[in-house]
C-alpha atoms as a PDB file:
ATOM      1  CA  MET A   1      -0.003  -0.001   0.004  1.00  0.00           C
ATOM      2  CA  ALA A   2       1.397   3.418  -0.970  1.00  0.00           C
ATOM      3  CA  GLY A   3       1.969   5.938   1.795  1.00  0.00           C
ATOM      4  CA  LEU A   4       0.228   9.330   1.929  1.00  0.00           C
ATOM      5  CA  SER A   5       1.712  12.791   1.722  1.00  0.00           C
ATOM      6  CA  ILE A   6       0.478  16.351   1.064  1.00  0.00           C
ATOM      7  CA  LEU A   7       1.323  18.975  -1.560  1.00  0.00           C
ATOM      8  CA  ASP A   8       0.205  22.424  -0.337  1.00  0.00           C
ATOM      9  CA  LEU A   9       0.018  25.521  -2.532  1.00  0.00           C
ATOM     10  CA  SER A  10      -1.360  27.787   0.255  1.00  0.00           C
ATOM     11  CA  PHE A  11      -4.497  28.560  -1.718  1.00  0.00           C
ATOM     12  CA  VAL A  12      -5.734  32.151  -1.610  1.00  0.00           C
ATOM     13  CA  THR A  13      -9.450  32.833  -1.807  1.00  0.00           C
ATOM     14  CA  ASP A  14     -11.527  36.001  -1.703  1.00  0.00           C
ATOM     15  CA  ALA A  15     -12.218  35.199   1.941  1.00  0.00           C
ATOM     16  CA  THR A  16      -8.666  34.134   2.826  1.00  0.00           C
ATOM     17  CA  PRO A  17      -5.909  36.643   1.986  1.00  0.00           C
ATOM     18  CA  PRO A  18      -2.380  35.379   1.376  1.00  0.00           C
ATOM     19  CA  SER A  19      -1.135  35.963   4.900  1.00  0.00           C
ATOM     20  CA  ALA A  20      -4.067  33.971   6.314  1.00  0.00           C
ATOM     21  CA  SER A  21      -3.447  31.272   3.666  1.00  0.00           C
ATOM     22  CA  LEU A  22       0.106  30.817   4.959  1.00  0.00           C
ATOM     23  CA  ARG A  23      -1.200  30.557   8.521  1.00  0.00           C
ATOM     24  CA  ASN A  24      -3.674  27.925   7.326  1.00  0.00           C
ATOM     25  CA  SER A  25      -0.728  25.955   5.950  1.00  0.00           C
ATOM     26  CA  VAL A  26       0.815  25.798   9.398  1.00  0.00           C
ATOM     27  CA  ASP A  27      -2.532  24.551  10.777  1.00  0.00           C
ATOM     28  CA  LEU A  28      -2.851  21.950   8.012  1.00  0.00           C
ATOM     29  CA  ALA A  29       0.703  20.791   8.498  1.00  0.00           C
ATOM     30  CA  GLN A  30       0.042  20.234  12.168  1.00  0.00           C
ATOM     31  CA  THR A  31      -3.063  18.289  11.284  1.00  0.00           C
ATOM     32  CA  ALA A  32      -1.063  16.186   8.807  1.00  0.00           C
ATOM     33  CA  ASP A  33       1.597  15.532  11.443  1.00  0.00           C
ATOM     34  CA  ARG A  34      -1.106  14.258  13.850  1.00  0.00           C
ATOM     35  CA  LEU A  35      -2.744  12.109  11.177  1.00  0.00           C
ATOM     36  CA  GLY A  36       0.426  10.246  10.208  1.00  0.00           C
ATOM     37  CA  TYR A  37       1.098  11.680   6.739  1.00  0.00           C
ATOM     38  CA  ILE A  38       4.679  10.987   5.613  1.00  0.00           C
ATOM     39  CA  ARG A  39       5.668  14.339   4.210  1.00  0.00           C
ATOM     40  CA  TYR A  40       4.306  17.868   3.589  1.00  0.00           C
ATOM     41  CA  TRP A  41       5.603  19.746   0.607  1.00  0.00           C
ATOM     42  CA  VAL A  42       5.132  23.358  -0.412  1.00  0.00           C
ATOM     43  CA  ALA A  43       5.549  24.691  -3.909  1.00  0.00           C
ATOM     44  CA  GLU A  44       7.367  27.698  -5.406  1.00  0.00           C
ATOM     45  CA  HIS A  45       4.997  29.916  -7.464  1.00  0.00           C
ATOM     46  CA  HIS A  46       5.274  33.581  -8.270  1.00  0.00           C
ATOM     47  CA  SER A  47       2.684  36.223  -9.193  1.00  0.00           C
ATOM     48  CA  LEU A  48      -0.330  33.867  -8.957  1.00  0.00           C
ATOM     49  CA  ALA A  49      -3.378  35.346  -7.271  1.00  0.00           C
ATOM     50  CA  SER A  50      -4.503  31.934  -6.003  1.00  0.00           C
ATOM     51  CA  VAL A  51      -1.192  30.781  -4.569  1.00  0.00           C
ATOM     52  CA  ALA A  52       0.650  32.319  -1.566  1.00  0.00           C
ATOM     53  CA  SER A  53       3.748  30.043  -1.541  1.00  0.00           C
ATOM     54  CA  SER A  54       6.425  32.106  -3.180  1.00  0.00           C
ATOM     55  CA  ALA A  55       9.233  31.433  -0.681  1.00  0.00           C
ATOM     56  CA  PRO A  56       9.298  27.698   0.045  1.00  0.00           C
ATOM     57  CA  GLU A  57      12.425  27.758   2.223  1.00  0.00           C
ATOM     58  CA  VAL A  58      10.894  30.230   4.641  1.00  0.00           C
ATOM     59  CA  ILE A  59       7.619  28.273   4.762  1.00  0.00           C
ATOM     60  CA  ILE A  60       9.483  24.985   5.351  1.00  0.00           C
ATOM     61  CA  ALA A  61      11.274  26.444   8.330  1.00  0.00           C
ATOM     62  CA  ARG A  62       8.000  27.603   9.836  1.00  0.00           C
ATOM     63  CA  LEU A  63       6.239  24.321   9.206  1.00  0.00           C
ATOM     64  CA  ALA A  64       9.056  22.205  10.511  1.00  0.00           C
ATOM     65  CA  ALA A  65       9.178  24.290  13.707  1.00  0.00           C
ATOM     66  CA  ALA A  66       5.405  23.874  14.201  1.00  0.00           C
ATOM     67  CA  THR A  67       5.470  20.056  13.756  1.00  0.00           C
ATOM     68  CA  SER A  68       7.334  17.231  15.383  1.00  0.00           C
ATOM     69  CA  ARG A  69       7.500  14.165  13.076  1.00  0.00           C
ATOM     70  CA  ILE A  70       6.404  14.775   9.520  1.00  0.00           C
ATOM     71  CA  ARG A  71       8.968  15.437   6.764  1.00  0.00           C
ATOM     72  CA  VAL A  72       8.722  18.941   5.319  1.00  0.00           C
ATOM     73  CA  GLY A  73      10.113  19.977   1.990  1.00  0.00           C
ATOM     74  CA  ALA A  74       9.909  21.790  -1.351  1.00  0.00           C
ATOM     75  CA  GLY A  75       7.791  20.496  -4.116  1.00  0.00           C
ATOM     76  CA  GLY A  76       9.677  22.220  -5.409  1.00  0.00           C
ATOM     77  CA  VAL A  77      12.363  24.822  -5.644  1.00  0.00           C
ATOM     78  CA  MET A  78      12.419  26.054  -9.235  1.00  0.00           C
ATOM     79  CA  LEU A  79      16.186  25.741  -9.780  1.00  0.00           C
ATOM     80  CA  PRO A  80      16.422  28.092 -12.819  1.00  0.00           C
ATOM     81  CA  ASN A  81      15.341  30.946 -10.524  1.00  0.00           C
ATOM     82  CA  HIS A  82      18.220  30.493  -8.077  1.00  0.00           C
ATOM     83  CA  ALA A  83      21.991  30.335  -7.775  1.00  0.00           C
ATOM     84  CA  PRO A  84      22.870  26.725  -6.880  1.00  0.00           C
ATOM     85  CA  LEU A  85      25.120  27.954  -4.070  1.00  0.00           C
ATOM     86  CA  MET A  86      22.156  29.736  -2.468  1.00  0.00           C
ATOM     87  CA  VAL A  87      19.995  26.573  -2.733  1.00  0.00           C
ATOM     88  CA  ALA A  88      22.832  24.549  -1.106  1.00  0.00           C
ATOM     89  CA  GLU A  89      23.261  27.000   1.720  1.00  0.00           C
ATOM     90  CA  ARG A  90      19.533  27.398   2.480  1.00  0.00           C
ATOM     91  CA  PHE A  91      18.774  23.637   2.481  1.00  0.00           C
ATOM     92  CA  ARG A  92      21.890  22.783   4.475  1.00  0.00           C
ATOM     93  CA  THR A  93      20.673  25.365   6.987  1.00  0.00           C
ATOM     94  CA  LEU A  94      17.232  23.793   7.067  1.00  0.00           C
ATOM     95  CA  GLU A  95      18.820  20.333   7.554  1.00  0.00           C
ATOM     96  CA  ALA A  96      20.954  21.688  10.387  1.00  0.00           C
ATOM     97  CA  PHE A  97      17.878  22.985  12.197  1.00  0.00           C
ATOM     98  CA  PHE A  98      15.696  19.975  11.444  1.00  0.00           C
ATOM     99  CA  PRO A  99      17.981  16.971  10.768  1.00  0.00           C
ATOM    100  CA  GLY A 100      16.332  14.056   8.970  1.00  0.00           C
ATOM    101  CA  ARG A 101      13.044  15.921   8.361  1.00  0.00           C
ATOM    102  CA  VAL A 102      13.718  18.004   5.228  1.00  0.00           C
ATOM    103  CA  ASP A 103      13.348  17.182   1.480  1.00  0.00           C
ATOM    104  CA  LEU A 104      14.693  19.123  -1.513  1.00  0.00           C
ATOM    105  CA  GLY A 105      12.426  18.828  -4.583  1.00  0.00           C
ATOM    106  CA  LEU A 106      13.809  20.473  -7.701  1.00  0.00           C
ATOM    107  CA  GLY A 107      11.841  21.742 -10.707  1.00  0.00           C
ATOM    108  CA  ARG A 108      12.875  22.900 -14.172  1.00  0.00           C
ATOM    109  CA  ALA A 109      10.008  25.365 -14.782  1.00  0.00           C
ATOM    110  CA  PRO A 110       9.950  29.003 -13.547  1.00  0.00           C
ATOM    111  CA  GLY A 111       6.717  28.543 -11.633  1.00  0.00           C
ATOM    112  CA  THR A 112       5.250  31.695 -13.209  1.00  0.00           C
ATOM    113  CA  ASP A 113       4.678  33.616 -16.416  1.00  0.00           C
ATOM    114  CA  GLN A 114       7.379  34.826 -18.731  1.00  0.00           C
ATOM    115  CA  THR A 115       7.407  38.401 -17.457  1.00  0.00           C
ATOM    116  CA  THR A 116       7.779  37.431 -13.851  1.00  0.00           C
ATOM    117  CA  ALA A 117      10.359  34.858 -14.797  1.00  0.00           C
ATOM    118  CA  TYR A 118      12.393  37.619 -16.463  1.00  0.00           C
ATOM    119  CA  ALA A 119      12.110  39.757 -13.325  1.00  0.00           C
ATOM    120  CA  LEU A 120      13.391  36.828 -11.273  1.00  0.00           C
ATOM    121  CA  ARG A 121      16.327  36.100 -13.612  1.00  0.00           C
ATOM    122  CA  ARG A 122      17.245  39.397 -15.357  1.00  0.00           C
ATOM    123  CA  HIS A 123      20.455  39.882 -13.372  1.00  0.00           C
ATOM    124  CA  GLN A 124      21.668  36.392 -14.299  1.00  0.00           C
ATOM    125  CA  THR A 125      24.221  36.432 -17.082  1.00  0.00           C
ATOM    126  CA  ARG A 126      23.637  33.028 -18.727  1.00  0.00           C
ATOM    127  CA  ASP A 127      22.087  33.108 -22.198  1.00  0.00           C
ATOM    128  CA  GLN A 128      21.237  29.531 -23.179  1.00  0.00           C
ATOM    129  CA  ASP A 129      18.298  27.249 -23.605  1.00  0.00           C
ATOM    130  CA  ALA A 130      16.313  26.230 -20.543  1.00  0.00           C
ATOM    131  CA  GLU A 131      17.255  22.507 -20.596  1.00  0.00           C
ATOM    132  CA  ALA A 132      21.020  23.134 -20.779  1.00  0.00           C
ATOM    133  CA  ASP A 133      20.740  25.831 -18.048  1.00  0.00           C
ATOM    134  CA  PHE A 134      18.903  23.460 -15.701  1.00  0.00           C
ATOM    135  CA  LEU A 135      21.424  20.733 -16.258  1.00  0.00           C
ATOM    136  CA  GLN A 136      24.343  23.074 -15.556  1.00  0.00           C
ATOM    137  CA  ARG A 137      22.713  24.357 -12.361  1.00  0.00           C
ATOM    138  CA  LEU A 138      21.924  20.828 -11.216  1.00  0.00           C
ATOM    139  CA  GLN A 139      25.518  19.702 -11.842  1.00  0.00           C
ATOM    140  CA  GLU A 140      26.774  22.733  -9.894  1.00  0.00           C
ATOM    141  CA  LEU A 141      24.416  21.972  -7.000  1.00  0.00           C
ATOM    142  CA  ILE A 142      25.693  18.413  -6.872  1.00  0.00           C
ATOM    143  CA  LEU A 143      29.311  19.658  -6.909  1.00  0.00           C
ATOM    144  CA  TRP A 144      28.617  22.033  -4.010  1.00  0.00           C
ATOM    145  CA  GLU A 145      27.506  18.994  -2.055  1.00  0.00           C
ATOM    146  CA  THR A 146      30.283  16.597  -3.126  1.00  0.00           C
ATOM    147  CA  GLY A 147      33.138  19.140  -3.165  1.00  0.00           C
ATOM    148  CA  GLU A 148      34.380  17.603  -6.359  1.00  0.00           C
ATOM    149  CA  PHE A 149      35.101  20.773  -8.366  1.00  0.00           C
ATOM    150  CA  PRO A 150      38.340  20.398 -10.329  1.00  0.00           C
ATOM    151  CA  SER A 151      41.426  21.463  -8.419  1.00  0.00           C
ATOM    152  CA  SER A 152      41.893  24.495 -10.619  1.00  0.00           C
ATOM    153  CA  HIS A 153      38.233  25.661 -10.349  1.00  0.00           C
ATOM    154  CA  PRO A 154      37.787  28.912  -8.362  1.00  0.00           C
ATOM    155  CA  PHE A 155      34.704  27.522  -6.606  1.00  0.00           C
ATOM    156  CA  ARG A 156      36.817  24.847  -4.986  1.00  0.00           C
ATOM    157  CA  LYS A 157      37.894  27.443  -2.404  1.00  0.00           C
ATOM    158  CA  ILE A 158      34.351  28.241  -1.300  1.00  0.00           C
ATOM    159  CA  ALA A 159      32.937  26.720   1.866  1.00  0.00           C
ATOM    160  CA  VAL A 160      29.208  25.938   1.740  1.00  0.00           C
ATOM    161  CA  MET A 161      27.973  26.757   5.225  1.00  0.00           C
ATOM    162  CA  PRO A 162      26.966  25.106   7.448  1.00  0.00           C
ATOM    163  CA  ASP A 163      29.608  22.639   6.171  1.00  0.00           C
ATOM    164  CA  ASP A 164      28.733  19.982   8.749  1.00  0.00           C
ATOM    165  CA  ALA A 165      25.145  19.564   7.525  1.00  0.00           C
ATOM    166  CA  PRO A 166      24.408  17.667   4.254  1.00  0.00           C
ATOM    167  CA  LEU A 167      21.872  18.525   1.634  1.00  0.00           C
ATOM    168  CA  PRO A 168      18.499  16.824   2.285  1.00  0.00           C
ATOM    169  CA  PRO A 169      17.363  14.025   0.054  1.00  0.00           C
ATOM    170  CA  ILE A 170      16.883  15.285  -3.535  1.00  0.00           C
ATOM    171  CA  PHE A 171      13.820  14.591  -5.683  1.00  0.00           C
ATOM    172  CA  LEU A 172      13.423  15.743  -9.231  1.00  0.00           C
ATOM    173  CA  LEU A 173       9.942  16.874 -10.180  1.00  0.00           C
ATOM    174  CA  GLY A 174       8.473  16.164 -13.573  1.00  0.00           C
ATOM    175  CA  SER A 175       5.434  15.911 -15.782  1.00  0.00           C
ATOM    176  CA  SER A 176       7.062  13.932 -18.627  1.00  0.00           C
ATOM    177  CA  ASP A 177       9.702  11.291 -19.144  1.00  0.00           C
ATOM    178  CA  TYR A 178      12.636  13.786 -19.014  1.00  0.00           C
ATOM    179  CA  SER A 179      12.904  14.197 -15.277  1.00  0.00           C
ATOM    180  CA  ALA A 180      12.013  10.533 -14.814  1.00  0.00           C
ATOM    181  CA  GLU A 181      15.026   9.475 -16.839  1.00  0.00           C
ATOM    182  CA  LEU A 182      17.306  12.054 -15.364  1.00  0.00           C
ATOM    183  CA  SER A 183      16.311  11.129 -11.771  1.00  0.00           C
ATOM    184  CA  ALA A 184      17.004   7.490 -12.583  1.00  0.00           C
ATOM    185  CA  GLN A 185      20.426   8.206 -14.047  1.00  0.00           C
ATOM    186  CA  LEU A 186      21.505  10.325 -11.088  1.00  0.00           C
ATOM    187  CA  GLY A 187      19.965   8.077  -8.425  1.00  0.00           C
ATOM    188  CA  PHE A 188      17.590  10.713  -7.058  1.00  0.00           C
ATOM    189  CA  GLY A 189      14.018  10.371  -5.904  1.00  0.00           C
ATOM    190  CA  PHE A 190      11.299  11.237  -8.437  1.00  0.00           C
ATOM    191  CA  ALA A 191       7.865  12.977  -8.095  1.00  0.00           C
ATOM    192  CA  PHE A 192       5.489  12.945 -11.010  1.00  0.00           C
ATOM    193  CA  ALA A 193       2.836  15.738 -11.310  1.00  0.00           C
ATOM    194  CA  HIS A 194      -0.181  13.721 -12.399  1.00  0.00           C
ATOM    195  CA  HIS A 195      -2.451  16.616 -11.329  1.00  0.00           C
ATOM    196  CA  PHE A 196      -1.512  18.686 -14.402  1.00  0.00           C
ATOM    197  CA  ALA A 197       0.607  16.432 -16.662  1.00  0.00           C
ATOM    198  CA  GLY A 198      -0.408  15.496 -20.137  1.00  0.00           C
ATOM    199  CA  TYR A 199       2.132  12.676 -20.176  1.00  0.00           C
ATOM    200  CA  ASP A 200       1.203   9.151 -19.024  1.00  0.00           C
ATOM    201  CA  ALA A 201       2.065   8.745 -15.310  1.00  0.00           C
ATOM    202  CA  ALA A 202       2.706   4.978 -15.529  1.00  0.00           C
ATOM    203  CA  ALA A 203       5.101   5.354 -18.466  1.00  0.00           C
ATOM    204  CA  ALA A 204       7.195   7.970 -16.620  1.00  0.00           C
ATOM    205  CA  MET A 205       7.251   6.279 -13.224  1.00  0.00           C
ATOM    206  CA  LEU A 206       7.920   2.798 -14.530  1.00  0.00           C
ATOM    207  CA  ALA A 207      10.758   4.098 -16.686  1.00  0.00           C
ATOM    208  CA  TYR A 208      12.203   5.787 -13.617  1.00  0.00           C
ATOM    209  CA  ARG A 209      12.093   2.583 -11.638  1.00  0.00           C
ATOM    210  CA  ALA A 210      13.438   0.444 -14.506  1.00  0.00           C
ATOM    211  CA  GLY A 211      16.372   2.814 -15.144  1.00  0.00           C
ATOM    212  CA  PHE A 212      17.255   3.629 -11.585  1.00  0.00           C
ATOM    213  CA  THR A 213      21.001   3.554 -10.768  1.00  0.00           C
ATOM    214  CA  PRO A 214      21.943   3.388  -7.032  1.00  0.00           C
ATOM    215  CA  SER A 215      23.976   6.362  -5.972  1.00  0.00           C
ATOM    216  CA  ARG A 216      25.421   8.218  -2.984  1.00  0.00           C
ATOM    217  CA  TRP A 217      22.014   9.921  -2.803  1.00  0.00           C
ATOM    218  CA  ARG A 218      19.743   6.880  -2.737  1.00  0.00           C
ATOM    219  CA  ALA A 219      20.235   3.080  -2.683  1.00  0.00           C
ATOM    220  CA  LYS A 220      16.846   2.284  -4.256  1.00  0.00           C
ATOM    221  CA  PRO A 221      14.210   4.189  -6.270  1.00  0.00           C
ATOM    222  CA  HIS A 222      11.495   6.156  -4.507  1.00  0.00           C
ATOM    223  CA  ALA A 223       8.649   7.407  -6.683  1.00  0.00           C
ATOM    224  CA  ILE A 224       5.970   9.873  -5.525  1.00  0.00           C
ATOM    225  CA  LEU A 225       2.734  10.318  -7.476  1.00  0.00           C
ATOM    226  CA  ALA A 226       1.273  13.828  -6.960  1.00  0.00           C
ATOM    227  CA  VAL A 227      -2.475  13.923  -7.549  1.00  0.00           C
ATOM    228  CA  ALA A 228      -5.406  16.295  -7.136  1.00  0.00           C
ATOM    229  CA  ALA A 229      -8.136  14.938  -4.871  1.00  0.00           C
ATOM    230  CA  ILE A 230     -11.195  16.358  -3.072  1.00  0.00           C
ATOM    231  CA  VAL A 231     -12.960  14.206  -0.576  1.00  0.00           C
ATOM    232  CA  ALA A 232     -16.051  14.689   1.681  1.00  0.00           C
ATOM    233  CA  ASP A 233     -18.414  12.654   3.744  1.00  0.00           C
ATOM    234  CA  THR A 234     -20.897  12.461   0.862  1.00  0.00           C
ATOM    235  CA  GLU A 235     -20.553  12.376  -2.959  1.00  0.00           C
ATOM    236  CA  ALA A 236     -22.765  15.450  -3.204  1.00  0.00           C
ATOM    237  CA  GLU A 237     -20.630  17.488  -0.841  1.00  0.00           C
ATOM    238  CA  ALA A 238     -17.442  16.421  -2.604  1.00  0.00           C
ATOM    239  CA  GLU A 239     -18.915  17.540  -5.945  1.00  0.00           C
ATOM    240  CA  ARG A 240     -19.913  20.866  -4.447  1.00  0.00           C
ATOM    241  CA  LEU A 241     -16.395  21.485  -3.112  1.00  0.00           C
ATOM    242  CA  ALA A 242     -14.822  20.339  -6.405  1.00  0.00           C
ATOM    243  CA  SER A 243     -16.732  23.029  -8.332  1.00  0.00           C
ATOM    244  CA  SER A 244     -14.138  25.569  -7.095  1.00  0.00           C
ATOM    245  CA  ALA A 245     -11.316  23.575  -8.661  1.00  0.00           C
ATOM    246  CA  ASP A 246     -13.301  23.006 -11.851  1.00  0.00           C
ATOM    247  CA  TYR A 247     -14.028  26.770 -12.335  1.00  0.00           C
ATOM    248  CA  ASN A 248     -10.462  27.718 -11.313  1.00  0.00           C
ATOM    249  CA  TRP A 249      -9.016  25.361 -13.915  1.00  0.00           C
ATOM    250  CA  LEU A 250     -11.342  26.701 -16.609  1.00  0.00           C
ATOM    251  CA  ARG A 251     -10.381  30.305 -15.906  1.00  0.00           C
ATOM    252  CA  ARG A 252      -6.677  29.493 -15.885  1.00  0.00           C
ATOM    253  CA  SER A 253      -7.059  27.824 -19.305  1.00  0.00           C
ATOM    254  CA  ARG A 254      -8.249  31.255 -20.556  1.00  0.00           C
ATOM    255  CA  GLY A 255      -5.350  33.109 -18.967  1.00  0.00           C
ATOM    256  CA  GLU A 256      -7.471  34.397 -16.062  1.00  0.00           C
ATOM    257  CA  TYR A 257      -5.603  34.068 -12.785  1.00  0.00           C
ATOM    258  CA  HIS A 258      -7.742  34.908  -9.809  1.00  0.00           C
ATOM    259  CA  ALA A 259      -8.116  33.761  -6.210  1.00  0.00           C
ATOM    260  CA  LEU A 260      -9.688  30.314  -5.806  1.00  0.00           C
ATOM    261  CA  PRO A 261     -13.471  30.833  -6.267  1.00  0.00           C
ATOM    262  CA  SER A 262     -16.071  29.749  -3.800  1.00  0.00           C
ATOM    263  CA  PRO A 263     -18.413  26.867  -4.660  1.00  0.00           C
ATOM    264  CA  GLU A 264     -21.261  29.381  -4.856  1.00  0.00           C
ATOM    265  CA  GLU A 265     -19.418  31.511  -7.456  1.00  0.00           C
ATOM    266  CA  ALA A 266     -18.380  28.455  -9.369  1.00  0.00           C
ATOM    267  CA  LEU A 267     -21.814  26.873  -9.420  1.00  0.00           C
ATOM    268  CA  ALA A 268     -23.390  30.138 -10.508  1.00  0.00           C
ATOM    269  CA  HIS A 269     -21.230  30.328 -13.644  1.00  0.00           C
ATOM    270  CA  PRO A 270     -23.310  29.716 -16.755  1.00  0.00           C
ATOM    271  CA  TYR A 271     -21.228  26.938 -18.352  1.00  0.00           C
ATOM    272  CA  THR A 272     -21.402  26.519 -22.077  1.00  0.00           C
ATOM    273  CA  GLU A 273     -21.348  23.014 -23.474  1.00  0.00           C
ATOM    274  CA  ALA A 274     -17.717  23.432 -24.554  1.00  0.00           C
ATOM    275  CA  GLU A 275     -16.756  24.567 -21.077  1.00  0.00           C
ATOM    276  CA  ARG A 276     -18.476  21.604 -19.505  1.00  0.00           C
ATOM    277  CA  ASP A 277     -16.671  19.308 -21.831  1.00  0.00           C
ATOM    278  CA  PHE A 278     -13.324  20.965 -20.850  1.00  0.00           C
ATOM    279  CA  VAL A 279     -14.078  20.518 -17.137  1.00  0.00           C
ATOM    280  CA  MET A 280     -15.029  16.835 -17.663  1.00  0.00           C
ATOM    281  CA  ARG A 281     -11.713  16.221 -19.431  1.00  0.00           C
ATOM    282  CA  HIS A 282      -9.852  17.809 -16.531  1.00  0.00           C
ATOM    283  CA  ARG A 283     -11.750  15.539 -14.169  1.00  0.00           C
ATOM    284  CA  ARG A 284      -9.596  12.710 -15.467  1.00  0.00           C
ATOM    285  CA  GLN A 285      -6.891  14.284 -13.317  1.00  0.00           C
ATOM    286  CA  LEU A 286      -9.054  15.190 -10.345  1.00  0.00           C
ATOM    287  CA  PHE A 287     -10.272  12.528  -7.945  1.00  0.00           C
ATOM    288  CA  VAL A 288     -13.599  13.529  -6.328  1.00  0.00           C
ATOM    289  CA  GLY A 289     -15.905  11.616  -3.978  1.00  0.00           C
ATOM    290  CA  THR A 290     -16.158   9.844  -0.704  1.00  0.00           C
ATOM    291  CA  PRO A 291     -12.928   8.520   0.853  1.00  0.00           C
ATOM    292  CA  ASP A 292     -13.538   4.886  -0.102  1.00  0.00           C
ATOM    293  CA  ALA A 293     -14.461   5.734  -3.655  1.00  0.00           C
ATOM    294  CA  VAL A 294     -11.419   8.014  -4.113  1.00  0.00           C
ATOM    295  CA  LYS A 295      -9.166   5.505  -2.478  1.00  0.00           C
ATOM    296  CA  THR A 296     -10.268   2.812  -4.834  1.00  0.00           C
ATOM    297  CA  ARG A 297      -9.291   4.951  -7.815  1.00  0.00           C
ATOM    298  CA  LEU A 298      -6.015   6.071  -6.242  1.00  0.00           C
ATOM    299  CA  ASP A 299      -5.089   2.457  -5.352  1.00  0.00           C
ATOM    300  CA  ALA A 300      -5.523   1.432  -8.996  1.00  0.00           C
ATOM    301  CA  LEU A 301      -3.316   4.283 -10.176  1.00  0.00           C
ATOM    302  CA  ALA A 302      -0.720   3.639  -7.525  1.00  0.00           C
ATOM    303  CA  SER A 303      -0.606  -0.008  -8.581  1.00  0.00           C
ATOM    304  CA  ALA A 304      -0.260   0.888 -12.243  1.00  0.00           C
ATOM    305  CA  THR A 305       2.539   3.399 -11.562  1.00  0.00           C
ATOM    306  CA  GLN A 306       4.193   1.399  -8.748  1.00  0.00           C
ATOM    307  CA  ALA A 307       4.091   4.580  -6.652  1.00  0.00           C
ATOM    308  CA  ASP A 308       5.747   4.433  -3.209  1.00  0.00           C
ATOM    309  CA  GLU A 309       3.699   7.432  -2.070  1.00  0.00           C
ATOM    310  CA  ILE A 310       0.585   9.356  -3.147  1.00  0.00           C
ATOM    311  CA  MET A 311       0.947  13.069  -2.571  1.00  0.00           C
ATOM    312  CA  ILE A 312      -2.408  14.789  -2.481  1.00  0.00           C
ATOM    313  CA  ALA A 313      -3.126  18.428  -3.478  1.00  0.00           C
ATOM    314  CA  SER A 314      -6.608  19.646  -2.595  1.00  0.00           C
ATOM    315  CA  ALA A 315      -7.871  22.915  -4.053  1.00  0.00           C
ATOM    316  CA  ILE A 316     -10.715  23.477  -1.553  1.00  0.00           C
ATOM    317  CA  TYR A 317     -12.147  26.926  -0.796  1.00  0.00           C
ATOM    318  CA  ASP A 318     -12.937  26.420   2.890  1.00  0.00           C
ATOM    319  CA  HIS A 319      -9.985  25.660   5.173  1.00  0.00           C
ATOM    320  CA  GLU A 320     -11.990  23.403   7.543  1.00  0.00           C
ATOM    321  CA  ALA A 321     -13.389  21.457   4.581  1.00  0.00           C
ATOM    322  CA  ARG A 322      -9.851  21.019   3.296  1.00  0.00           C
ATOM    323  CA  LYS A 323      -8.691  19.678   6.628  1.00  0.00           C
ATOM    324  CA  ARG A 324     -11.674  17.334   6.676  1.00  0.00           C
ATOM    325  CA  SER A 325     -10.795  16.013   3.218  1.00  0.00           C
ATOM    326  CA  TYR A 326      -7.290  15.075   4.374  1.00  0.00           C
ATOM    327  CA  GLU A 327      -8.657  13.598   7.615  1.00  0.00           C
ATOM    328  CA  LEU A 328     -11.080  11.377   5.660  1.00  0.00           C
ATOM    329  CA  MET A 329      -8.275  10.149   3.340  1.00  0.00           C
ATOM    330  CA  ALA A 330      -5.970   9.399   6.235  1.00  0.00           C
ATOM    331  CA  GLY A 331      -8.778   7.502   7.889  1.00  0.00           C
ATOM    332  CA  ALA A 332      -9.457   5.402   4.812  1.00  0.00           C
ATOM    333  CA  TYR A 333      -5.835   4.350   4.463  1.00  0.00           C
ATOM    334  CA  ALA A 334      -5.438   3.774   8.185  1.00  0.00           C
ATOM    335  CA  ALA A 335      -8.450   1.501   8.174  1.00  0.00           C
ATOM    336  CA  GLU A 336      -6.970  -0.653   5.449  1.00  0.00           C
ATOM    337  CA  SER A 337      -3.633  -0.751   7.219  1.00  0.00           C
ATOM    338  CA  SER A 338      -5.340  -1.828  10.451  1.00  0.00           C
ATOM    339  CA  MET A 339      -7.262  -4.598   8.642  1.00  0.00           C
ATOM    340  CA  ALA A 340      -4.036  -5.816   6.987  1.00  0.00           C
ATOM    341  CA  ARG A 341      -2.337  -6.041  10.390  1.00  0.00           C
ATOM    342  CA  GLU A 342      -5.275  -7.961  11.853  1.00  0.00           C
ATOM    343  CA  GLY A 343      -5.019 -10.402   9.050  1.00  0.00           C
ATOM    344  CA  GLU A 344      -1.365 -11.208   9.721  1.00  0.00           C
ATOM    345  CA  PRO A 345      -0.492 -14.479  11.302  1.00  0.00           C
ATOM    346  CA  ALA A 346       0.374 -14.361  15.029  1.00  0.00           C
END
């Protein structure tokens, strides 16, 4: 049975301003810690009205300080936005404060639009294609950790502080086969973004597992499947809550970036037939229903992808309803685990 984790974007609504959304993330992380979730990741996004998590390292420190057991990490740091030395310093610092509880997920995308990406990167001097830039930054980050710069390289003289704390475990994030193959070659963990990917999740995750090479980073593969799920006590309530995600996805497809809409606003929208078809296509990547019904679908996908973990993102307007969704999913998986233990021979 795959373990459960959480991906949190600190959703902003018209009733929950960004600062309150960040405080809600602390509350949700504490709930997840109590419920037994494995890890709690926050994303890096910029200039999105519906997402408050623009500084994952700062949020990670706050969440780790507010919890006691759960792993906390980035899902992820968008490496092209940062100097690799800064990433190494920040995550070694986090590891020094919270040893054994931090993860470093790395992404290739900017996590924003082109104009904001330019504002983030305009003082950087490199002028090359995005793929080559990411690979060079990743190689440099690895060298900051291993200390294996050539003897004549000027960076060899630089001490990455704190130099007695290692980088946390590294995961590459992806929505295609590229990061899957690269993660396997380097011996990193891998997290696949099923919640927005157009690429087949099973193909990517099975390729990662088949091509995995043991490394100093990890002895065996570890694959996380990130999914979007909305759960409630009844099917009707789950559908009502999911209307916010449906309408938000529709607006984003038209280039309209607003705070996450309420179910009332979403249900009042006069959907055209084409819009309803679009929403239904997106529902292939959104799991909605009661905990047992959603778990059945997630179990099938976890089996097909051989996922070690399912990481759930829930775009739910009301904070208490979002907490309830995660409580219900944790309960469904705990019940199965309990039944499995009861069936074990004495």
